[in-house]
């Protein structure tokens, strides 16, 4: 983990973010006192969900596929909803 002062991070933020993306952690200090840490975000979802995962668990009403009423369609085109 690298320690940096706030000014250094502000001056070269994109450079340090590139290092974070590669897995490094950065400890940000104010007057040599740690105040924050920048670290890579871990992905919550490791793999894609399979197609049809919820098949058969709910039903869509046939009315869902009918055209919307004119007043609802008009509300999408309104200047001030």
PDB file of N, CA and C in Angstrom:
ATOM      1  N   UNK A   1       0.856  -1.171   0.000  1.00  0.00           N
ATOM      2  CA  UNK A   1       0.000   0.000   0.000  1.00  0.00           C
ATOM      3  C   UNK A   1       0.902   1.235   0.000  1.00  0.00           C
ATOM      4  N   UNK A   2       0.545   2.187  -0.854  1.00  0.00           N
ATOM      5  CA  UNK A   2       1.338   3.414  -0.883  1.00  0.00           C
ATOM      6  C   UNK A   2       0.622   4.505  -0.097  1.00  0.00           C
ATOM      7  N   UNK A   3       1.410   5.358   0.545  1.00  0.00           N
ATOM      8  CA  UNK A   3       0.884   6.485   1.326  1.00  0.00           C
ATOM      9  C   UNK A   3       1.155   7.765   0.551  1.00  0.00           C
ATOM     10  N   UNK A   4       0.123   8.582   0.398  1.00  0.00           N
ATOM     11  CA  UNK A   4       0.272   9.840  -0.329  1.00  0.00           C
ATOM     12  C   UNK A   4      -0.428  10.954   0.422  1.00  0.00           C
ATOM     13  N   UNK A   5       0.078  12.178   0.245  1.00  0.00           N
ATOM     14  CA  UNK A   5      -0.647  13.299   0.829  1.00  0.00           C
ATOM     15  C   UNK A   5      -1.734  13.746  -0.143  1.00  0.00           C
ATOM     16  N   UNK A   6      -2.673  14.493   0.361  1.00  0.00           N
ATOM     17  CA  UNK A   6      -3.842  14.900  -0.431  1.00  0.00           C
ATOM     18  C   UNK A   6      -3.420  15.669  -1.683  1.00  0.00           C
ATOM     19  N   UNK A   7      -2.471  16.574  -1.555  1.00  0.00           N
ATOM     20  CA  UNK A   7      -2.038  17.370  -2.709  1.00  0.00           C
ATOM     21  C   UNK A   7      -1.514  16.472  -3.831  1.00  0.00           C
ATOM     22  N   UNK A   8      -0.722  15.476  -3.486  1.00  0.00           N
ATOM     23  CA  UNK A   8      -0.165  14.563  -4.489  1.00  0.00           C
ATOM     24  C   UNK A   8      -1.276  13.804  -5.212  1.00  0.00           C
ATOM     25  N   UNK A   9      -2.277  13.362  -4.468  1.00  0.00           N
ATOM     26  CA  UNK A   9      -3.396  12.626  -5.078  1.00  0.00           C
ATOM     27  C   UNK A   9      -4.188  13.546  -6.000  1.00  0.00           C
ATOM     28  N   UNK A  10      -4.467  14.767  -5.556  1.00  0.00           N
ATOM     29  CA  UNK A  10      -5.217  15.710  -6.386  1.00  0.00           C
ATOM     30  C   UNK A  10      -4.466  16.028  -7.679  1.00  0.00           C
ATOM     31  N   UNK A  11      -3.169  16.157  -7.581  1.00  0.00           N
ATOM     32  CA  UNK A  11      -2.363  16.530  -8.739  1.00  0.00           C
ATOM     33  C   UNK A  11      -2.276  15.414  -9.776  1.00  0.00           C
ATOM     34  N   UNK A  12      -2.231  14.172  -9.313  1.00  0.00           N
ATOM     35  CA  UNK A  12      -2.001  13.040 -10.225  1.00  0.00           C
ATOM     36  C   UNK A  12      -3.063  11.951 -10.060  1.00  0.00           C
ATOM     37  N   UNK A  13      -4.315  12.355  -9.875  1.00  0.00           N
ATOM     38  CA  UNK A  13      -5.378  11.386  -9.588  1.00  0.00           C
ATOM     39  C   UNK A  13      -5.478  10.291 -10.640  1.00  0.00           C
ATOM     40  N   UNK A  14      -5.486  10.639 -11.913  1.00  0.00           N
ATOM     41  CA  UNK A  14      -5.665   9.604 -12.944  1.00  0.00           C
ATOM     42  C   UNK A  14      -4.514   8.598 -12.920  1.00  0.00           C
ATOM     43  N   UNK A  15      -3.312   9.047 -12.648  1.00  0.00           N
ATOM     44  CA  UNK A  15      -2.162   8.147 -12.559  1.00  0.00           C
ATOM     45  C   UNK A  15      -2.367   7.141 -11.418  1.00  0.00           C
ATOM     46  N   UNK A  16      -2.828   7.626 -10.280  1.00  0.00           N
ATOM     47  CA  UNK A  16      -3.017   6.729  -9.140  1.00  0.00           C
ATOM     48  C   UNK A  16      -4.236   5.823  -9.321  1.00  0.00           C
ATOM     49  N   UNK A  17      -5.262   6.312 -10.003  1.00  0.00           N
ATOM     50  CA  UNK A  17      -6.418   5.445 -10.276  1.00  0.00           C
ATOM     51  C   UNK A  17      -6.019   4.287 -11.185  1.00  0.00           C
ATOM     52  N   UNK A  18      -5.110   4.526 -12.113  1.00  0.00           N
ATOM     53  CA  UNK A  18      -4.610   3.424 -12.950  1.00  0.00           C
ATOM     54  C   UNK A  18      -3.949   2.351 -12.091  1.00  0.00           C
ATOM     55  N   UNK A  19      -3.230   2.769 -11.072  1.00  0.00           N
ATOM     56  CA  UNK A  19      -2.587   1.798 -10.178  1.00  0.00           C
ATOM     57  C   UNK A  19      -3.625   1.048  -9.353  1.00  0.00           C
ATOM     58  N   UNK A  20      -4.678   1.759  -8.934  1.00  0.00           N
ATOM     59  CA  UNK A  20      -5.749   1.112  -8.162  1.00  0.00           C
ATOM     60  C   UNK A  20      -6.446   0.071  -9.023  1.00  0.00           C
ATOM     61  N   UNK A  21      -6.704   0.395 -10.271  1.00  0.00           N
ATOM     62  CA  UNK A  21      -7.351  -0.546 -11.184  1.00  0.00           C
ATOM     63  C   UNK A  21      -6.526  -1.824 -11.312  1.00  0.00           C
ATOM     64  N   UNK A  22      -5.218  -1.684 -11.213  1.00  0.00           N
ATOM     65  CA  UNK A  22      -4.332  -2.852 -11.300  1.00  0.00           C
ATOM     66  C   UNK A  22      -4.240  -3.620  -9.984  1.00  0.00           C
ATOM     67  N   UNK A  23      -4.944  -3.135  -8.943  1.00  0.00           N
ATOM     68  CA  UNK A  23      -5.004  -3.889  -7.694  1.00  0.00           C
ATOM     69  C   UNK A  23      -4.333  -3.255  -6.491  1.00  0.00           C
ATOM     70  N   UNK A  24      -3.655  -2.132  -6.665  1.00  0.00           N
ATOM     71  CA  UNK A  24      -2.982  -1.495  -5.529  1.00  0.00           C
ATOM     72  C   UNK A  24      -3.975  -0.730  -4.658  1.00  0.00           C
ATOM     73  N   UNK A  25      -3.593  -0.531  -3.407  1.00  0.00           N
ATOM     74  CA  UNK A  25      -4.370   0.296  -2.484  1.00  0.00           C
ATOM     75  C   UNK A  25      -3.570   1.555  -2.196  1.00  0.00           C
ATOM     76  N   UNK A  26      -4.283   2.660  -2.012  1.00  0.00           N
ATOM     77  CA  UNK A  26      -3.629   3.931  -1.724  1.00  0.00           C
ATOM     78  C   UNK A  26      -4.196   4.488  -0.430  1.00  0.00           C
ATOM     79  N   UNK A  27      -3.313   4.845   0.481  1.00  0.00           N
ATOM     80  CA  UNK A  27      -3.698   5.463   1.740  1.00  0.00           C
ATOM     81  C   UNK A  27      -3.468   6.960   1.591  1.00  0.00           C
ATOM     82  N   UNK A  28      -4.518   7.744   1.775  1.00  0.00           N
ATOM     83  CA  UNK A  28      -4.425   9.192   1.628  1.00  0.00           C
ATOM     84  C   UNK A  28      -4.282   9.806   3.017  1.00  0.00           C
ATOM     85  N   UNK A  29      -3.285  10.691   3.139  1.00  0.00           N
ATOM     86  CA  UNK A  29      -2.984  11.280   4.446  1.00  0.00           C
ATOM     87  C   UNK A  29      -3.109  12.800   4.406  1.00  0.00           C
ATOM     88  N   UNK A  30      -3.470  13.361   5.541  1.00  0.00           N
ATOM     89  CA  UNK A  30      -3.446  14.813   5.752  1.00  0.00           C
ATOM     90  C   UNK A  30      -2.477  15.047   6.901  1.00  0.00           C
ATOM     91  N   UNK A  31      -1.414  15.763   6.629  1.00  0.00           N
ATOM     92  CA  UNK A  31      -0.353  15.997   7.618  1.00  0.00           C
ATOM     93  C   UNK A  31       0.156  14.682   8.202  1.00  0.00           C
ATOM     94  N   UNK A  32       0.363  13.720   7.322  1.00  0.00           N
ATOM     95  CA  UNK A  32       0.878  12.382   7.674  1.00  0.00           C
ATOM     96  C   UNK A  32      -0.067  11.554   8.535  1.00  0.00           C
ATOM     97  N   UNK A  33      -1.327  11.962   8.621  1.00  0.00           N
ATOM     98  CA  UNK A  33      -2.330  11.192   9.363  1.00  0.00           C
ATOM     99  C   UNK A  33      -3.290  10.589   8.337  1.00  0.00           C
ATOM    100  N   UNK A  34      -3.429   9.267   8.302  1.00  0.00           N
ATOM    101  CA  UNK A  34      -4.334   8.638   7.333  1.00  0.00           C
ATOM    102  C   UNK A  34      -5.780   9.113   7.514  1.00  0.00           C
ATOM    103  N   UNK A  35      -6.403   9.501   6.393  1.00  0.00           N
ATOM    104  CA  UNK A  35      -7.797   9.951   6.436  1.00  0.00           C
ATOM    105  C   UNK A  35      -8.701   9.161   5.494  1.00  0.00           C
ATOM    106  N   UNK A  36      -8.134   8.497   4.499  1.00  0.00           N
ATOM    107  CA  UNK A  36      -8.963   7.748   3.547  1.00  0.00           C
ATOM    108  C   UNK A  36      -8.111   6.703   2.839  1.00  0.00           C
ATOM    109  N   UNK A  37      -8.810   5.753   2.247  1.00  0.00           N
ATOM    110  CA  UNK A  37      -8.131   4.709   1.479  1.00  0.00           C
ATOM    111  C   UNK A  37      -8.860   4.534   0.156  1.00  0.00           C
ATOM    112  N   UNK A  38      -8.102   4.440  -0.920  1.00  0.00           N
ATOM    113  CA  UNK A  38      -8.677   4.126  -2.233  1.00  0.00           C
ATOM    114  C   UNK A  38      -8.262   2.700  -2.544  1.00  0.00           C
ATOM    115  N   UNK A  39      -9.235   1.872  -2.879  1.00  0.00           N
ATOM    116  CA  UNK A  39      -8.947   0.474  -3.173  1.00  0.00           C
ATOM    117  C   UNK A  39      -9.813   0.026  -4.334  1.00  0.00           C
ATOM    118  N   UNK A  40      -9.427  -1.048  -5.011  1.00  0.00           N
ATOM    119  CA  UNK A  40     -10.243  -1.541  -6.126  1.00  0.00           C
ATOM    120  C   UNK A  40     -11.613  -2.005  -5.633  1.00  0.00           C
ATOM    121  N   UNK A  41     -12.606  -1.822  -6.457  1.00  0.00           N
ATOM    122  CA  UNK A  41     -13.948  -2.307  -6.154  1.00  0.00           C
ATOM    123  C   UNK A  41     -14.011  -3.767  -6.565  1.00  0.00           C
ATOM    124  N   UNK A  42     -14.502  -4.593  -5.667  1.00  0.00           N
ATOM    125  CA  UNK A  42     -14.641  -6.007  -6.014  1.00  0.00           C
ATOM    126  C   UNK A  42     -15.979  -6.214  -6.701  1.00  0.00           C
ATOM    127  N   UNK A  43     -15.970  -6.998  -7.727  1.00  0.00           N
ATOM    128  CA  UNK A  43     -17.189  -7.288  -8.466  1.00  0.00           C
ATOM    129  C   UNK A  43     -18.090  -8.175  -7.629  1.00  0.00           C
ATOM    130  N   UNK A  44     -19.341  -7.781  -7.508  1.00  0.00           N
ATOM    131  CA  UNK A  44     -20.282  -8.574  -6.725  1.00  0.00           C
ATOM    132  C   UNK A  44     -20.764  -9.794  -7.495  1.00  0.00           C
ATOM    133  N   UNK A  45     -20.804  -9.672  -8.811  1.00  0.00           N
ATOM    134  CA  UNK A  45     -21.308 -10.765  -9.627  1.00  0.00           C
ATOM    135  C   UNK A  45     -20.152 -11.339 -10.427  1.00  0.00           C
ATOM    136  N   UNK A  46     -19.805 -12.559 -10.142  1.00  0.00           N
ATOM    137  CA  UNK A  46     -18.654 -13.192 -10.781  1.00  0.00           C
ATOM    138  C   UNK A  46     -18.970 -13.720 -12.176  1.00  0.00           C
ATOM    139  N   UNK A  47     -20.212 -14.146 -12.401  1.00  0.00           N
ATOM    140  CA  UNK A  47     -20.549 -14.692 -13.710  1.00  0.00           C
ATOM    141  C   UNK A  47     -21.942 -14.220 -14.114  1.00  0.00           C
ATOM    142  N   UNK A  48     -22.214 -14.351 -15.383  1.00  0.00           N
ATOM    143  CA  UNK A  48     -23.527 -13.948 -15.894  1.00  0.00           C
ATOM    144  C   UNK A  48     -24.584 -14.945 -15.458  1.00  0.00           C
ATOM    145  N   UNK A  49     -25.766 -14.423 -15.200  1.00  0.00           N
ATOM    146  CA  UNK A  49     -26.874 -15.308 -14.845  1.00  0.00           C
ATOM    147  C   UNK A  49     -27.355 -16.037 -16.088  1.00  0.00           C
ATOM    148  N   UNK A  50     -27.733 -17.286 -15.946  1.00  0.00           N
ATOM    149  CA  UNK A  50     -28.194 -18.035 -17.116  1.00  0.00           C
ATOM    150  C   UNK A  50     -29.546 -17.523 -17.617  1.00  0.00           C
ATOM    151  N   UNK A  51     -29.749 -17.618 -18.924  1.00  0.00           N
ATOM    152  CA  UNK A  51     -31.020 -17.232 -19.532  1.00  0.00           C
ATOM    153  C   UNK A  51     -32.101 -18.180 -19.027  1.00  0.00           C
ATOM    154  N   UNK A  52     -33.267 -17.630 -18.694  1.00  0.00           N
ATOM    155  CA  UNK A  52     -34.384 -18.457 -18.245  1.00  0.00           C
ATOM    156  C   UNK A  52     -34.320 -18.815 -16.773  1.00  0.00           C
ATOM    157  N   UNK A  53     -33.546 -18.102 -15.999  1.00  0.00           N
ATOM    158  CA  UNK A  53     -33.367 -18.410 -14.583  1.00  0.00           C
ATOM    159  C   UNK A  53     -34.697 -18.406 -13.819  1.00  0.00           C
ATOM    160  N   UNK A  54     -35.617 -17.504 -14.176  1.00  0.00           N
ATOM    161  CA  UNK A  54     -36.891 -17.401 -13.466  1.00  0.00           C
ATOM    162  C   UNK A  54     -38.051 -18.011 -14.257  1.00  0.00           C
ATOM    163  N   UNK A  55     -37.743 -18.823 -15.247  1.00  0.00           N
ATOM    164  CA  UNK A  55     -38.784 -19.408 -16.087  1.00  0.00           C
ATOM    165  C   UNK A  55     -39.790 -20.176 -15.231  1.00  0.00           C
ATOM    166  N   UNK A  56     -41.084 -19.861 -15.460  1.00  0.00           N
ATOM    167  CA  UNK A  56     -42.154 -20.558 -14.760  1.00  0.00           C
ATOM    168  C   UNK A  56     -42.444 -20.033 -13.364  1.00  0.00           C
ATOM    169  N   UNK A  57     -41.731 -19.013 -12.909  1.00  0.00           N
ATOM    170  CA  UNK A  57     -41.940 -18.507 -11.557  1.00  0.00           C
ATOM    171  C   UNK A  57     -42.962 -17.378 -11.492  1.00  0.00           C
ATOM    172  N   UNK A  58     -43.331 -16.812 -12.627  1.00  0.00           N
ATOM    173  CA  UNK A  58     -44.371 -15.783 -12.645  1.00  0.00           C
ATOM    174  C   UNK A  58     -45.013 -15.760 -14.020  1.00  0.00           C
ATOM    175  N   UNK A  59     -46.179 -15.116 -14.091  1.00  0.00           N
ATOM    176  CA  UNK A  59     -46.894 -15.018 -15.363  1.00  0.00           C
ATOM    177  C   UNK A  59     -47.136 -13.553 -15.690  1.00  0.00           C
ATOM    178  N   UNK A  60     -47.005 -13.223 -16.962  1.00  0.00           N
ATOM    179  CA  UNK A  60     -47.275 -11.877 -17.433  1.00  0.00           C
ATOM    180  C   UNK A  60     -48.686 -11.861 -17.995  1.00  0.00           C
ATOM    181  N   UNK A  61     -49.477 -10.904 -17.533  1.00  0.00           N
ATOM    182  CA  UNK A  61     -50.854 -10.776 -17.996  1.00  0.00           C
ATOM    183  C   UNK A  61     -50.874 -10.445 -19.487  1.00  0.00           C
ATOM    184  N   UNK A  62     -51.830 -10.992 -20.240  1.00  0.00           N
ATOM    185  CA  UNK A  62     -51.942 -10.635 -21.664  1.00  0.00           C
ATOM    186  C   UNK A  62     -52.139  -9.136 -21.872  1.00  0.00           C
ATOM    187  N   UNK A  63     -52.715  -8.444 -20.879  1.00  0.00           N
ATOM    188  CA  UNK A  63     -52.930  -7.000 -20.990  1.00  0.00           C
ATOM    189  C   UNK A  63     -51.604  -6.236 -21.079  1.00  0.00           C
ATOM    190  N   UNK A  64     -50.545  -6.825 -20.613  1.00  0.00           N
ATOM    191  CA  UNK A  64     -49.227  -6.188 -20.664  1.00  0.00           C
ATOM    192  C   UNK A  64     -48.830  -5.864 -22.104  1.00  0.00           C
ATOM    193  N   UNK A  65     -49.254  -6.681 -23.035  1.00  0.00           N
ATOM    194  CA  UNK A  65     -48.859  -6.531 -24.430  1.00  0.00           C
ATOM    195  C   UNK A  65     -49.818  -5.656 -25.239  1.00  0.00           C
ATOM    196  N   UNK A  66     -50.901  -5.190 -24.620  1.00  0.00           N
ATOM    197  CA  UNK A  66     -51.859  -4.322 -25.311  1.00  0.00           C
ATOM    198  C   UNK A  66     -51.314  -2.893 -25.375  1.00  0.00           C
ATOM    199  N   UNK A  67     -51.752  -2.114 -26.369  1.00  0.00           N
ATOM    200  CA  UNK A  67     -51.285  -0.728 -26.483  1.00  0.00           C
ATOM    201  C   UNK A  67     -51.656   0.088 -25.243  1.00  0.00           C
ATOM    202  N   UNK A  68     -50.817   1.061 -24.925  1.00  0.00           N
ATOM    203  CA  UNK A  68     -51.090   1.934 -23.788  1.00  0.00           C
ATOM    204  C   UNK A  68     -52.211   2.903 -24.131  1.00  0.00           C
ATOM    205  N   UNK A  69     -52.959   3.356 -23.125  1.00  0.00           N
ATOM    206  CA  UNK A  69     -54.000   4.363 -23.367  1.00  0.00           C
ATOM    207  C   UNK A  69     -53.366   5.672 -23.862  1.00  0.00           C
ATOM    208  N   UNK A  70     -54.102   6.425 -24.683  1.00  0.00           N
ATOM    209  CA  UNK A  70     -53.558   7.669 -25.263  1.00  0.00           C
ATOM    210  C   UNK A  70     -53.043   8.655 -24.215  1.00  0.00           C
ATOM    211  N   UNK A  71     -53.709   8.758 -23.057  1.00  0.00           N
ATOM    212  CA  UNK A  71     -53.267   9.729 -22.044  1.00  0.00           C
ATOM    213  C   UNK A  71     -51.891   9.367 -21.458  1.00  0.00           C
ATOM    214  N   UNK A  72     -51.583   8.095 -21.386  1.00  0.00           N
ATOM    215  CA  UNK A  72     -50.263   7.689 -20.888  1.00  0.00           C
ATOM    216  C   UNK A  72     -49.203   7.968 -21.949  1.00  0.00           C
ATOM    217  N   UNK A  73     -49.522   7.673 -23.198  1.00  0.00           N
ATOM    218  CA  UNK A  73     -48.583   7.971 -24.284  1.00  0.00           C
ATOM    219  C   UNK A  73     -48.323   9.470 -24.351  1.00  0.00           C
ATOM    220  N   UNK A  74     -49.368  10.280 -24.185  1.00  0.00           N
ATOM    221  CA  UNK A  74     -49.215  11.737 -24.215  1.00  0.00           C
ATOM    222  C   UNK A  74     -48.309  12.218 -23.086  1.00  0.00           C
ATOM    223  N   UNK A  75     -48.361  11.564 -21.935  1.00  0.00           N
ATOM    224  CA  UNK A  75     -47.526  12.003 -20.807  1.00  0.00           C
ATOM    225  C   UNK A  75     -46.035  11.820 -21.098  1.00  0.00           C
ATOM    226  N   UNK A  76     -45.682  10.906 -21.985  1.00  0.00           N
ATOM    227  CA  UNK A  76     -44.279  10.729 -22.352  1.00  0.00           C
ATOM    228  C   UNK A  76     -43.778  11.881 -23.216  1.00  0.00           C
ATOM    229  N   UNK A  77     -44.700  12.558 -23.886  1.00  0.00           N
ATOM    230  CA  UNK A  77     -44.327  13.640 -24.786  1.00  0.00           C
ATOM    231  C   UNK A  77     -44.581  15.008 -24.177  1.00  0.00           C
ATOM    232  N   UNK A  78     -45.028  15.064 -22.938  1.00  0.00           N
ATOM    233  CA  UNK A  78     -45.357  16.333 -22.291  1.00  0.00           C
ATOM    234  C   UNK A  78     -44.090  17.135 -22.024  1.00  0.00           C
ATOM    235  N   UNK A  79     -44.206  18.464 -22.167  1.00  0.00           N
ATOM    236  CA  UNK A  79     -43.077  19.358 -21.891  1.00  0.00           C
ATOM    237  C   UNK A  79     -42.776  19.392 -20.395  1.00  0.00           C
ATOM    238  N   UNK A  80     -43.802  19.536 -19.579  1.00  0.00           N
ATOM    239  CA  UNK A  80     -43.652  19.596 -18.121  1.00  0.00           C
ATOM    240  C   UNK A  80     -44.550  18.545 -17.489  1.00  0.00           C
ATOM    241  N   UNK A  81     -44.022  17.375 -17.220  1.00  0.00           N
ATOM    242  CA  UNK A  81     -44.875  16.307 -16.665  1.00  0.00           C
ATOM    243  C   UNK A  81     -45.378  16.639 -15.275  1.00  0.00           C
TER     244      UNK A  81
END
